[in-house]
Amino acid sequence: MESNLLKNADADEMNQYFSEYVANLQLHMTLQARNLVPPLKQTLVDSRQQLLHQTQAHFEKLVSRQGL
């Protein structure tokens, strides 16, 4: 019985590790992609647009951390 608990704990730990790894990888890839694509216009960024980008990045991070 105790070995099953240890196996479950190890599996949960591995799931958590991979979940965090994937979340970090997805965030890195998203940020990298944004740096590769130039903006359509070089004018000052509208604060609403900046807030939208921040919210989207935050949402993508949260979604990517959801359980497998």
C-alpha atoms as a PDB file:
ATOM      1  CA  MET A   1       0.000   0.000   0.000  1.00  0.00           C
ATOM      2  CA  GLU A   2       2.783   2.398   0.913  1.00  0.00           C
ATOM      3  CA  SER A   3       4.615   1.768  -2.381  1.00  0.00           C
ATOM      4  CA  ASN A   4       1.424   2.687  -4.312  1.00  0.00           C
ATOM      5  CA  LEU A   5       1.276   5.977  -2.438  1.00  0.00           C
ATOM      6  CA  LEU A   6       4.906   6.660  -3.312  1.00  0.00           C
ATOM      7  CA  LYS A   7       4.268   5.807  -6.969  1.00  0.00           C
ATOM      8  CA  ASN A   8       1.261   8.133  -7.038  1.00  0.00           C
ATOM      9  CA  ALA A   9       3.285  10.886  -5.378  1.00  0.00           C
ATOM     10  CA  ASP A  10       6.095  10.399  -7.903  1.00  0.00           C
ATOM     11  CA  ALA A  11       3.618  10.473 -10.793  1.00  0.00           C
ATOM     12  CA  ASP A  12       2.001  13.656  -9.439  1.00  0.00           C
ATOM     13  CA  GLU A  13       5.424  15.234  -9.039  1.00  0.00           C
ATOM     14  CA  MET A  14       6.389  14.316 -12.611  1.00  0.00           C
ATOM     15  CA  ASN A  15       3.066  15.658 -13.945  1.00  0.00           C
ATOM     16  CA  GLN A  16       3.645  18.922 -12.076  1.00  0.00           C
ATOM     17  CA  TYR A  17       7.210  19.135 -13.400  1.00  0.00           C
ATOM     18  CA  PHE A  18       6.165  18.560 -17.028  1.00  0.00           C
ATOM     19  CA  SER A  19       3.199  20.888 -16.677  1.00  0.00           C
ATOM     20  CA  GLU A  20       5.470  23.695 -15.496  1.00  0.00           C
ATOM     21  CA  TYR A  21       8.036  22.864 -18.186  1.00  0.00           C
ATOM     22  CA  VAL A  22       5.403  23.011 -20.934  1.00  0.00           C
ATOM     23  CA  ALA A  23       3.975  26.251 -19.532  1.00  0.00           C
ATOM     24  CA  ASN A  24       7.412  27.864 -19.517  1.00  0.00           C
ATOM     25  CA  LEU A  25       8.150  26.568 -23.013  1.00  0.00           C
ATOM     26  CA  GLN A  26       4.847  27.874 -24.378  1.00  0.00           C
ATOM     27  CA  LEU A  27       5.381  31.260 -22.763  1.00  0.00           C
ATOM     28  CA  HIS A  28       8.918  31.446 -24.149  1.00  0.00           C
ATOM     29  CA  MET A  29       7.728  30.483 -27.636  1.00  0.00           C
ATOM     30  CA  THR A  30       4.927  33.070 -27.513  1.00  0.00           C
ATOM     31  CA  LEU A  31       7.268  35.836 -26.444  1.00  0.00           C
ATOM     32  CA  GLN A  32       9.841  34.759 -29.032  1.00  0.00           C
ATOM     33  CA  ALA A  33       7.210  34.811 -31.796  1.00  0.00           C
ATOM     34  CA  ARG A  34       6.140  38.314 -30.804  1.00  0.00           C
ATOM     35  CA  ASN A  35       9.730  39.493 -31.101  1.00  0.00           C
ATOM     36  CA  LEU A  36      10.047  37.982 -34.586  1.00  0.00           C
ATOM     37  CA  VAL A  37       6.998  39.702 -36.058  1.00  0.00           C
ATOM     38  CA  PRO A  38       7.392  43.462 -36.486  1.00  0.00           C
ATOM     39  CA  PRO A  39       4.445  45.637 -35.530  1.00  0.00           C
ATOM     40  CA  LEU A  40       2.230  46.857 -38.365  1.00  0.00           C
ATOM     41  CA  LYS A  41       2.772  50.478 -37.379  1.00  0.00           C
ATOM     42  CA  GLN A  42       5.652  52.068 -35.545  1.00  0.00           C
ATOM     43  CA  THR A  43       3.539  54.671 -33.694  1.00  0.00           C
ATOM     44  CA  LEU A  44       3.068  54.729 -29.945  1.00  0.00           C
ATOM     45  CA  VAL A  45       1.330  51.626 -28.640  1.00  0.00           C
ATOM     46  CA  ASP A  46      -2.196  52.307 -27.472  1.00  0.00           C
ATOM     47  CA  SER A  47      -2.604  51.509 -23.780  1.00  0.00           C
ATOM     48  CA  ARG A  48      -5.653  49.350 -24.533  1.00  0.00           C
ATOM     49  CA  GLN A  49      -3.656  47.317 -27.042  1.00  0.00           C
ATOM     50  CA  GLN A  50      -0.830  46.914 -24.522  1.00  0.00           C
ATOM     51  CA  LEU A  51      -3.309  45.768 -21.864  1.00  0.00           C
ATOM     52  CA  LEU A  52      -4.809  43.307 -24.352  1.00  0.00           C
ATOM     53  CA  HIS A  53      -1.375  41.810 -25.083  1.00  0.00           C
ATOM     54  CA  GLN A  54      -0.571  41.522 -21.373  1.00  0.00           C
ATOM     55  CA  THR A  55      -3.927  39.906 -20.655  1.00  0.00           C
ATOM     56  CA  GLN A  56      -3.510  37.471 -23.536  1.00  0.00           C
ATOM     57  CA  ALA A  57      -0.022  36.453 -22.360  1.00  0.00           C
ATOM     58  CA  HIS A  58      -1.306  35.978 -18.809  1.00  0.00           C
ATOM     59  CA  PHE A  59      -4.279  33.929 -20.040  1.00  0.00           C
ATOM     60  CA  GLU A  60      -2.050  31.731 -22.227  1.00  0.00           C
ATOM     61  CA  LYS A  61       0.192  31.101 -19.250  1.00  0.00           C
ATOM     62  CA  LEU A  62      -2.744  30.122 -17.030  1.00  0.00           C
ATOM     63  CA  VAL A  63      -4.257  27.837 -19.668  1.00  0.00           C
ATOM     64  CA  SER A  64      -0.954  26.125 -20.329  1.00  0.00           C
ATOM     65  CA  ARG A  65      -0.653  25.300 -16.620  1.00  0.00           C
ATOM     66  CA  GLN A  66      -3.940  23.430 -16.526  1.00  0.00           C
ATOM     67  CA  GLY A  67      -3.693  19.733 -15.670  1.00  0.00           C
ATOM     68  CA  LEU A  68      -2.862  17.219 -18.365  1.00  0.00           C
END
